[in-house]
PDB file of N, CA and C in Angstrom:
ATOM      1  N   MET A   1      10.548  68.088 103.449  1.00  0.00           N
ATOM      2  CA  MET A   1      11.292  68.528 102.278  1.00  0.00           C
ATOM      3  C   MET A   1      12.447  69.424 102.722  1.00  0.00           C
ATOM      4  N   LYS A   2      13.585  69.283 102.066  1.00  0.00           N
ATOM      5  CA  LYS A   2      14.772  70.065 102.387  1.00  0.00           C
ATOM      6  C   LYS A   2      14.588  71.514 101.937  1.00  0.00           C
ATOM      7  N   LYS A   3      15.097  72.440 102.763  1.00  0.00           N
ATOM      8  CA  LYS A   3      14.960  73.865 102.481  1.00  0.00           C
ATOM      9  C   LYS A   3      15.831  74.268 101.295  1.00  0.00           C
ATOM     10  N   SER A   4      15.262  75.074 100.407  1.00  0.00           N
ATOM     11  CA  SER A   4      16.000  75.540  99.232  1.00  0.00           C
ATOM     12  C   SER A   4      17.014  76.599  99.631  1.00  0.00           C
ATOM     13  N   LYS A   5      18.214  76.497  99.071  1.00  0.00           N
ATOM     14  CA  LYS A   5      19.257  77.494  99.338  1.00  0.00           C
ATOM     15  C   LYS A   5      19.760  78.062  98.023  1.00  0.00           C
ATOM     16  N   GLY A   6      18.831  78.288  97.101  1.00  0.00           N
ATOM     17  CA  GLY A   6      19.181  78.768  95.769  1.00  0.00           C
ATOM     18  C   GLY A   6      19.580  80.237  95.733  1.00  0.00           C
ATOM     19  N   TYR A   7      19.897  80.704  94.538  1.00  0.00           N
ATOM     20  CA  TYR A   7      20.383  82.062  94.316  1.00  0.00           C
ATOM     21  C   TYR A   7      19.333  83.109  94.657  1.00  0.00           C
ATOM     22  N   ARG A   8      18.043  82.755  94.492  1.00  0.00           N
ATOM     23  CA  ARG A   8      16.971  83.709  94.766  1.00  0.00           C
ATOM     24  C   ARG A   8      16.172  83.336  96.005  1.00  0.00           C
ATOM     25  N   ALA A   9      16.784  82.607  96.932  1.00  0.00           N
ATOM     26  CA  ALA A   9      16.107  82.213  98.167  1.00  0.00           C
ATOM     27  C   ALA A   9      15.834  83.434  99.029  1.00  0.00           C
ATOM     28  N   LYS A  10      14.686  83.463  99.717  1.00  0.00           N
ATOM     29  CA  LYS A  10      14.264  84.537 100.624  1.00  0.00           C
ATOM     30  C   LYS A  10      14.119  85.885  99.921  1.00  0.00           C
ATOM     31  N   THR A  11      13.633  85.884  98.688  1.00  0.00           N
ATOM     32  CA  THR A  11      13.512  87.142  97.942  1.00  0.00           C
ATOM     33  C   THR A  11      12.069  87.425  97.530  1.00  0.00           C
ATOM     34  N   ARG A  12      11.102  86.866  98.254  1.00  0.00           N
ATOM     35  CA  ARG A  12       9.706  87.025  97.849  1.00  0.00           C
ATOM     36  C   ARG A  12       9.300  88.484  97.719  1.00  0.00           C
ATOM     37  N   SER A  13       9.598  89.295  98.715  1.00  0.00           N
ATOM     38  CA  SER A  13       9.209  90.709  98.644  1.00  0.00           C
ATOM     39  C   SER A  13      10.293  91.566  98.000  1.00  0.00           C
ATOM     40  N   LEU A  14      11.549  91.130  98.105  1.00  0.00           N
ATOM     41  CA  LEU A  14      12.663  91.906  97.559  1.00  0.00           C
ATOM     42  C   LEU A  14      12.639  91.941  96.035  1.00  0.00           C
ATOM     43  N   LEU A  15      12.443  90.793  95.406  1.00  0.00           N
ATOM     44  CA  LEU A  15      12.436  90.719  93.944  1.00  0.00           C
ATOM     45  C   LEU A  15      11.008  90.676  93.417  1.00  0.00           C
ATOM     46  N   ARG A  16      10.215  91.661  93.813  1.00  0.00           N
ATOM     47  CA  ARG A  16       8.854  91.771  93.311  1.00  0.00           C
ATOM     48  C   ARG A  16       8.576  93.234  93.044  1.00  0.00           C
ATOM     49  N   ARG A  17       7.947  93.502  91.908  1.00  0.00           N
ATOM     50  CA  ARG A  17       7.619  94.886  91.567  1.00  0.00           C
ATOM     51  C   ARG A  17       6.278  95.265  92.155  1.00  0.00           C
ATOM     52  N   LYS A  18       6.114  96.546  92.354  1.00  0.00           N
ATOM     53  CA  LYS A  18       4.831  97.056  92.811  1.00  0.00           C
ATOM     54  C   LYS A  18       3.838  96.940  91.647  1.00  0.00           C
ATOM     55  N   PRO A  19       2.536  96.836  91.937  1.00  0.00           N
ATOM     56  CA  PRO A  19       1.550  96.616  90.877  1.00  0.00           C
ATOM     57  C   PRO A  19       1.607  97.596  89.712  1.00  0.00           C
ATOM     58  N   ARG A  20       1.885  98.884  89.966  1.00  0.00           N
ATOM     59  CA  ARG A  20       1.907  99.870  88.880  1.00  0.00           C
ATOM     60  C   ARG A  20       3.234  99.919  88.138  1.00  0.00           C
ATOM     61  N   GLU A  21       4.233  99.185  88.619  1.00  0.00           N
ATOM     62  CA  GLU A  21       5.543  99.156  87.965  1.00  0.00           C
ATOM     63  C   GLU A  21       5.725  97.917  87.096  1.00  0.00           C
ATOM     64  N   ARG A  22       4.738  97.036  87.086  1.00  0.00           N
ATOM     65  CA  ARG A  22       4.885  95.747  86.403  1.00  0.00           C
ATOM     66  C   ARG A  22       5.013  95.908  84.901  1.00  0.00           C
ATOM     67  N   GLY A  23       5.568  94.882  84.265  1.00  0.00           N
ATOM     68  CA  GLY A  23       5.734  94.890  82.810  1.00  0.00           C
ATOM     69  C   GLY A  23       7.180  95.121  82.421  1.00  0.00           C
ATOM     70  N   LYS A  24       7.378  95.327  81.141  1.00  0.00           N
ATOM     71  CA  LYS A  24       8.726  95.531  80.634  1.00  0.00           C
ATOM     72  C   LYS A  24       9.268  96.907  81.004  1.00  0.00           C
ATOM     73  N   SER A  25      10.579  96.972  81.186  1.00  0.00           N
ATOM     74  CA  SER A  25      11.229  98.255  81.448  1.00  0.00           C
ATOM     75  C   SER A  25      11.392  99.015  80.143  1.00  0.00           C
ATOM     76  N   GLY A  26      11.574 100.322  80.252  1.00  0.00           N
ATOM     77  CA  GLY A  26      11.747 101.152  79.067  1.00  0.00           C
ATOM     78  C   GLY A  26      13.094 100.922  78.402  1.00  0.00           C
ATOM     79  N   LEU A  27      13.166 101.266  77.144  1.00  0.00           N
ATOM     80  CA  LEU A  27      14.410 101.113  76.379  1.00  0.00           C
ATOM     81  C   LEU A  27      15.504 102.048  76.878  1.00  0.00           C
ATOM     82  N   SER A  28      15.111 103.207  77.385  1.00  0.00           N
ATOM     83  CA  SER A  28      16.099 104.189  77.827  1.00  0.00           C
ATOM     84  C   SER A  28      16.956 103.649  78.966  1.00  0.00           C
ATOM     85  N   LYS A  29      16.409 102.746  79.749  1.00  0.00           N
ATOM     86  CA  LYS A  29      17.161 102.151  80.858  1.00  0.00           C
ATOM     87  C   LYS A  29      18.294 101.270  80.343  1.00  0.00           C
ATOM     88  N   ILE A  30      18.037 100.536  79.266  1.00  0.00           N
ATOM     89  CA  ILE A  30      19.041  99.643  78.686  1.00  0.00           C
ATOM     90  C   ILE A  30      20.072 100.431  77.885  1.00  0.00           C
ATOM     91  N   LEU A  31      19.614 101.482  77.204  1.00  0.00           N
ATOM     92  CA  LEU A  31      20.495 102.244  76.320  1.00  0.00           C
ATOM     93  C   LEU A  31      21.302 103.332  77.025  1.00  0.00           C
ATOM     94  N   HIS A  32      21.029 103.578  78.305  1.00  0.00           N
ATOM     95  CA  HIS A  32      21.765 104.613  79.044  1.00  0.00           C
ATOM     96  C   HIS A  32      23.244 104.237  79.101  1.00  0.00           C
ATOM     97  N   ASP A  33      24.114 105.190  78.761  1.00  0.00           N
ATOM     98  CA  ASP A  33      25.549 104.934  78.736  1.00  0.00           C
ATOM     99  C   ASP A  33      26.183 105.496  80.007  1.00  0.00           C
ATOM    100  N   TYR A  34      26.750 104.629  80.820  1.00  0.00           N
ATOM    101  CA  TYR A  34      27.394 105.029  82.064  1.00  0.00           C
ATOM    102  C   TYR A  34      28.886 105.235  81.824  1.00  0.00           C
ATOM    103  N   GLN A  35      29.437 106.246  82.466  1.00  0.00           N
ATOM    104  CA  GLN A  35      30.865 106.548  82.333  1.00  0.00           C
ATOM    105  C   GLN A  35      31.634 105.979  83.525  1.00  0.00           C
ATOM    106  N   LYS A  36      32.926 105.770  83.311  1.00  0.00           N
ATOM    107  CA  LYS A  36      33.791 105.255  84.363  1.00  0.00           C
ATOM    108  C   LYS A  36      33.846 106.267  85.512  1.00  0.00           C
ATOM    109  N   GLY A  37      33.696 105.784  86.751  1.00  0.00           N
ATOM    110  CA  GLY A  37      33.716 106.652  87.922  1.00  0.00           C
ATOM    111  C   GLY A  37      32.355 107.177  88.337  1.00  0.00           C
ATOM    112  N   GLU A  38      31.319 106.893  87.557  1.00  0.00           N
ATOM    113  CA  GLU A  38      29.959 107.359  87.862  1.00  0.00           C
ATOM    114  C   GLU A  38      29.340 106.489  88.957  1.00  0.00           C
ATOM    115  N   LYS A  39      28.601 107.139  89.881  1.00  0.00           N
ATOM    116  CA  LYS A  39      27.927 106.405  90.955  1.00  0.00           C
ATOM    117  C   LYS A  39      26.590 105.883  90.449  1.00  0.00           C
ATOM    118  N   VAL A  40      26.286 104.628  90.807  1.00  0.00           N
ATOM    119  CA  VAL A  40      25.022 104.018  90.393  1.00  0.00           C
ATOM    120  C   VAL A  40      24.363 103.322  91.582  1.00  0.00           C
ATOM    121  N   LEU A  41      23.039 103.238  91.509  1.00  0.00           N
ATOM    122  CA  LEU A  41      22.248 102.533  92.501  1.00  0.00           C
ATOM    123  C   LEU A  41      21.886 101.178  91.916  1.00  0.00           C
ATOM    124  N   ILE A  42      22.163 100.118  92.645  1.00  0.00           N
ATOM    125  CA  ILE A  42      21.838  98.768  92.170  1.00  0.00           C
ATOM    126  C   ILE A  42      20.427  98.446  92.620  1.00  0.00           C
ATOM    127  N   LYS A  43      19.522  98.402  91.643  1.00  0.00           N
ATOM    128  CA  LYS A  43      18.120  98.089  91.907  1.00  0.00           C
ATOM    129  C   LYS A  43      17.738  96.953  90.969  1.00  0.00           C
ATOM    130  N   THR A  44      17.687  95.743  91.501  1.00  0.00           N
ATOM    131  CA  THR A  44      17.466  94.548  90.698  1.00  0.00           C
ATOM    132  C   THR A  44      16.096  94.571  90.033  1.00  0.00           C
ATOM    133  N   ASP A  45      16.073  94.300  88.729  1.00  0.00           N
ATOM    134  CA  ASP A  45      14.830  94.192  87.965  1.00  0.00           C
ATOM    135  C   ASP A  45      14.477  92.712  87.884  1.00  0.00           C
ATOM    136  N   PRO A  46      13.442  92.260  88.598  1.00  0.00           N
ATOM    137  CA  PRO A  46      13.132  90.837  88.650  1.00  0.00           C
ATOM    138  C   PRO A  46      12.642  90.243  87.331  1.00  0.00           C
ATOM    139  N   SER A  47      12.218  91.091  86.374  1.00  0.00           N
ATOM    140  CA  SER A  47      11.727  90.558  85.101  1.00  0.00           C
ATOM    141  C   SER A  47      12.863  90.177  84.162  1.00  0.00           C
ATOM    142  N   VAL A  48      14.099  90.603  84.463  1.00  0.00           N
ATOM    143  CA  VAL A  48      15.265  90.262  83.645  1.00  0.00           C
ATOM    144  C   VAL A  48      16.191  89.411  84.494  1.00  0.00           C
ATOM    145  N   HIS A  49      16.381  88.151  84.090  1.00  0.00           N
ATOM    146  CA  HIS A  49      17.200  87.237  84.877  1.00  0.00           C
ATOM    147  C   HIS A  49      18.671  87.316  84.516  1.00  0.00           C
ATOM    148  N   LYS A  50      18.969  87.725  83.288  1.00  0.00           N
ATOM    149  CA  LYS A  50      20.351  87.766  82.828  1.00  0.00           C
ATOM    150  C   LYS A  50      21.083  88.950  83.458  1.00  0.00           C
ATOM    151  N   GLY A  51      22.297  88.714  83.928  1.00  0.00           N
ATOM    152  CA  GLY A  51      23.110  89.789  84.493  1.00  0.00           C
ATOM    153  C   GLY A  51      22.589  90.334  85.803  1.00  0.00           C
ATOM    154  N   MET A  52      21.821  89.512  86.525  1.00  0.00           N
ATOM    155  CA  MET A  52      21.222  89.949  87.783  1.00  0.00           C
ATOM    156  C   MET A  52      22.232  89.795  88.924  1.00  0.00           C
ATOM    157  N   PRO A  53      22.430  90.855  89.726  1.00  0.00           N
ATOM    158  CA  PRO A  53      23.342  90.730  90.862  1.00  0.00           C
ATOM    159  C   PRO A  53      22.700  89.944  92.001  1.00  0.00           C
ATOM    160  N   HIS A  54      23.504  89.501  92.942  1.00  0.00           N
ATOM    161  CA  HIS A  54      22.996  88.783  94.102  1.00  0.00           C
ATOM    162  C   HIS A  54      22.141  89.724  94.936  1.00  0.00           C
ATOM    163  N   ARG A  55      21.189  89.178  95.665  1.00  0.00           N
ATOM    164  CA  ARG A  55      20.245  89.998  96.428  1.00  0.00           C
ATOM    165  C   ARG A  55      20.908  90.837  97.507  1.00  0.00           C
ATOM    166  N   ARG A  56      22.104  90.449  97.963  1.00  0.00           N
ATOM    167  CA  ARG A  56      22.781  91.239  99.000  1.00  0.00           C
ATOM    168  C   ARG A  56      23.207  92.616  98.500  1.00  0.00           C
ATOM    169  N   TYR A  57      23.290  92.789  97.168  1.00  0.00           N
ATOM    170  CA  TYR A  57      23.695  94.071  96.597  1.00  0.00           C
ATOM    171  C   TYR A  57      22.505  94.958  96.226  1.00  0.00           C
ATOM    172  N   HIS A  58      21.282  94.469  96.383  1.00  0.00           N
ATOM    173  CA  HIS A  58      20.079  95.239  96.051  1.00  0.00           C
ATOM    174  C   HIS A  58      19.984  96.464  96.956  1.00  0.00           C
ATOM    175  N   GLY A  59      19.912  97.654  96.370  1.00  0.00           N
ATOM    176  CA  GLY A  59      19.819  98.891  97.126  1.00  0.00           C
ATOM    177  C   GLY A  59      21.160  99.515  97.472  1.00  0.00           C
ATOM    178  N   GLU A  60      22.249  98.868  97.088  1.00  0.00           N
ATOM    179  CA  GLU A  60      23.588  99.387  97.379  1.00  0.00           C
ATOM    180  C   GLU A  60      24.008 100.409  96.326  1.00  0.00           C
ATOM    181  N   ILE A  61      24.946 101.273  96.706  1.00  0.00           N
ATOM    182  CA  ILE A  61      25.493 102.265  95.785  1.00  0.00           C
ATOM    183  C   ILE A  61      26.908 101.848  95.440  1.00  0.00           C
ATOM    184  N   GLY A  62      27.197 101.810  94.143  1.00  0.00           N
ATOM    185  CA  GLY A  62      28.518 101.413  93.683  1.00  0.00           C
ATOM    186  C   GLY A  62      29.064 102.407  92.671  1.00  0.00           C
ATOM    187  N   VAL A  63      30.310 102.168  92.255  1.00  0.00           N
ATOM    188  CA  VAL A  63      30.986 103.032  91.291  1.00  0.00           C
ATOM    189  C   VAL A  63      31.350 102.197  90.070  1.00  0.00           C
ATOM    190  N   ILE A  64      31.029 102.702  88.875  1.00  0.00           N
ATOM    191  CA  ILE A  64      31.371 102.015  87.636  1.00  0.00           C
ATOM    192  C   ILE A  64      32.891 102.024  87.492  1.00  0.00           C
ATOM    193  N   SER A  65      33.469 100.826  87.348  1.00  0.00           N
ATOM    194  CA  SER A  65      34.916 100.764  87.187  1.00  0.00           C
ATOM    195  C   SER A  65      35.328 100.299  85.794  1.00  0.00           C
ATOM    196  N   ASP A  66      34.421  99.647  85.055  1.00  0.00           N
ATOM    197  CA  ASP A  66      34.781  99.137  83.736  1.00  0.00           C
ATOM    198  C   ASP A  66      33.515  98.709  82.999  1.00  0.00           C
ATOM    199  N   LYS A  67      33.626  98.571  81.676  1.00  0.00           N
ATOM    200  CA  LYS A  67      32.534  98.010  80.883  1.00  0.00           C
ATOM    201  C   LYS A  67      33.019  96.693  80.306  1.00  0.00           C
ATOM    202  N   ARG A  68      32.195  95.661  80.404  1.00  0.00           N
ATOM    203  CA  ARG A  68      32.574  94.345  79.926  1.00  0.00           C
ATOM    204  C   ARG A  68      31.436  93.794  79.068  1.00  0.00           C
ATOM    205  N   GLY A  69      31.575  93.939  77.755  1.00  0.00           N
ATOM    206  CA  GLY A  69      30.512  93.534  76.847  1.00  0.00           C
ATOM    207  C   GLY A  69      29.333  94.466  77.011  1.00  0.00           C
ATOM    208  N   LYS A  70      28.140  93.906  77.244  1.00  0.00           N
ATOM    209  CA  LYS A  70      26.952  94.732  77.491  1.00  0.00           C
ATOM    210  C   LYS A  70      26.845  95.126  78.963  1.00  0.00           C
ATOM    211  N   SER A  71      27.634  94.489  79.811  1.00  0.00           N
ATOM    212  CA  SER A  71      27.548  94.692  81.248  1.00  0.00           C
ATOM    213  C   SER A  71      28.578  95.693  81.754  1.00  0.00           C
ATOM    214  N   TYR A  72      28.409  96.049  83.031  1.00  0.00           N
ATOM    215  CA  TYR A  72      29.329  96.967  83.695  1.00  0.00           C
ATOM    216  C   TYR A  72      29.924  96.288  84.914  1.00  0.00           C
ATOM    217  N   VAL A  73      31.191  96.592  85.176  1.00  0.00           N
ATOM    218  CA  VAL A  73      31.848  96.119  86.393  1.00  0.00           C
ATOM    219  C   VAL A  73      31.689  97.235  87.419  1.00  0.00           C
ATOM    220  N   ILE A  74      31.082  96.898  88.557  1.00  0.00           N
ATOM    221  CA  ILE A  74      30.773  97.890  89.575  1.00  0.00           C
ATOM    222  C   ILE A  74      31.502  97.526  90.867  1.00  0.00           C
ATOM    223  N   SER A  75      32.180  98.512  91.455  1.00  0.00           N
ATOM    224  CA  SER A  75      32.841  98.323  92.744  1.00  0.00           C
ATOM    225  C   SER A  75      31.865  98.712  93.842  1.00  0.00           C
ATOM    226  N   VAL A  76      31.597  97.753  94.739  1.00  0.00           N
ATOM    227  CA  VAL A  76      30.649  97.965  95.827  1.00  0.00           C
ATOM    228  C   VAL A  76      31.366  97.703  97.142  1.00  0.00           C
ATOM    229  N   LYS A  77      31.184  98.615  98.093  1.00  0.00           N
ATOM    230  CA  LYS A  77      31.786  98.430  99.406  1.00  0.00           C
ATOM    231  C   LYS A  77      30.873  97.548 100.228  1.00  0.00           C
ATOM    232  N   GLN A  78      31.469  96.504 100.836  1.00  0.00           N
ATOM    233  CA  GLN A  78      30.704  95.607 101.698  1.00  0.00           C
ATOM    234  C   GLN A  78      31.522  95.358 102.961  1.00  0.00           C
ATOM    235  N   GLY A  79      31.166  96.060 104.021  1.00  0.00           N
ATOM    236  CA  GLY A  79      31.974  96.002 105.235  1.00  0.00           C
ATOM    237  C   GLY A  79      33.290  96.718 104.974  1.00  0.00           C
ATOM    238  N   ASN A  80      34.403  96.035 105.233  1.00  0.00           N
ATOM    239  CA  ASN A  80      35.721  96.610 104.968  1.00  0.00           C
ATOM    240  C   ASN A  80      36.237  96.226 103.587  1.00  0.00           C
ATOM    241  N   ALA A  81      35.552  95.312 102.924  1.00  0.00           N
ATOM    242  CA  ALA A  81      36.004  94.825 101.618  1.00  0.00           C
ATOM    243  C   ALA A  81      35.343  95.598 100.483  1.00  0.00           C
ATOM    244  N   VAL A  82      36.020  95.663  99.349  1.00  0.00           N
ATOM    245  CA  VAL A  82      35.450  96.248  98.135  1.00  0.00           C
ATOM    246  C   VAL A  82      35.256  95.112  97.141  1.00  0.00           C
ATOM    247  N   LYS A  83      34.010  94.866  96.777  1.00  0.00           N
ATOM    248  CA  LYS A  83      33.678  93.773  95.856  1.00  0.00           C
ATOM    249  C   LYS A  83      33.464  94.339  94.459  1.00  0.00           C
ATOM    250  N   GLU A  84      33.840  93.573  93.461  1.00  0.00           N
ATOM    251  CA  GLU A  84      33.573  93.942  92.071  1.00  0.00           C
ATOM    252  C   GLU A  84      32.543  92.969  91.535  1.00  0.00           C
ATOM    253  N   ILE A  85      31.404  93.503  91.097  1.00  0.00           N
ATOM    254  CA  ILE A  85      30.345  92.655  90.548  1.00  0.00           C
ATOM    255  C   ILE A  85      30.061  93.076  89.113  1.00  0.00           C
ATOM    256  N   ILE A  86      29.612  92.117  88.324  1.00  0.00           N
ATOM    257  CA  ILE A  86      29.287  92.367  86.921  1.00  0.00           C
ATOM    258  C   ILE A  86      27.770  92.395  86.806  1.00  0.00           C
ATOM    259  N   VAL A  87      27.245  93.552  86.369  1.00  0.00           N
ATOM    260  CA  VAL A  87      25.804  93.769  86.350  1.00  0.00           C
ATOM    261  C   VAL A  87      25.387  94.350  85.015  1.00  0.00           C
ATOM    262  N   ARG A  88      24.246  93.894  84.518  1.00  0.00           N
ATOM    263  CA  ARG A  88      23.689  94.455  83.291  1.00  0.00           C
ATOM    264  C   ARG A  88      22.988  95.777  83.583  1.00  0.00           C
ATOM    265  N   PRO A  89      22.861  96.662  82.563  1.00  0.00           N
ATOM    266  CA  PRO A  89      22.274  97.981  82.801  1.00  0.00           C
ATOM    267  C   PRO A  89      20.805  97.967  83.230  1.00  0.00           C
ATOM    268  N   GLU A  90      20.089  96.868  83.035  1.00  0.00           N
ATOM    269  CA  GLU A  90      18.693  96.785  83.470  1.00  0.00           C
ATOM    270  C   GLU A  90      18.572  96.865  84.993  1.00  0.00           C
ATOM    271  N   HIS A  91      19.649  96.503  85.688  1.00  0.00           N
ATOM    272  CA  HIS A  91      19.610  96.407  87.142  1.00  0.00           C
ATOM    273  C   HIS A  91      20.281  97.584  87.854  1.00  0.00           C
ATOM    274  N   ILE A  92      20.654  98.623  87.104  1.00  0.00           N
ATOM    275  CA  ILE A  92      21.286  99.787  87.732  1.00  0.00           C
ATOM    276  C   ILE A  92      20.594 101.076  87.311  1.00  0.00           C
ATOM    277  N   ASN A  93      20.626 102.061  88.208  1.00  0.00           N
ATOM    278  CA  ASN A  93      20.065 103.389  87.954  1.00  0.00           C
ATOM    279  C   ASN A  93      21.131 104.432  88.279  1.00  0.00           C
ATOM    280  N   PRO A  94      21.146 105.569  87.569  1.00  0.00           N
ATOM    281  CA  PRO A  94      22.080 106.636  87.935  1.00  0.00           C
ATOM    282  C   PRO A  94      21.751 107.122  89.360  1.00  0.00           C
ATOM    283  N   TYR A  95      22.786 107.418  90.127  1.00  0.00           N
ATOM    284  CA  TYR A  95      22.592 107.847  91.512  1.00  0.00           C
ATOM    285  C   TYR A  95      22.755 109.356  91.625  1.00  0.00           C
ATOM    286  N   GLN A  96      21.719 110.023  92.144  1.00  0.00           N
ATOM    287  CA  GLN A  96      21.783 111.466  92.374  1.00  0.00           C
ATOM    288  C   GLN A  96      21.904 111.693  93.881  1.00  0.00           C
ATOM    289  N   GLU A  97      22.945 112.403  94.274  1.00  0.00           N
ATOM    290  CA  GLU A  97      23.126 112.694  95.689  1.00  0.00           C
ATOM    291  C   GLU A  97      22.229 113.865  96.091  1.00  0.00           C
ATOM    292  N   GLY A  98      21.731 113.787  97.317  1.00  0.00           N
ATOM    293  CA  GLY A  98      20.953 114.906  97.842  1.00  0.00           C
ATOM    294  C   GLY A  98      19.523 114.754  97.798  1.00  0.00           C
TER     295      GLY A  98
END
């Protein structure tokens, strides 16, 4: 059989929640309002498929650059390039330095 090269390939452990974290996320995560220029941590929620970023951005820190509908446009540095990705609020957390 030919090897799958889909969007979620090689994500068995990456896109899996720990046993005590399973289930639906809280409403406060979806309703949190992010401001332009705020730093966020991209932590993919595997239970929500809509607005999910690619696995290469999981664990990365980005800056909110715009809001587009229910989603946010986030600038993420990748090597020397700056990528702009569109992510739903279920997949991002506020980033606290320190």
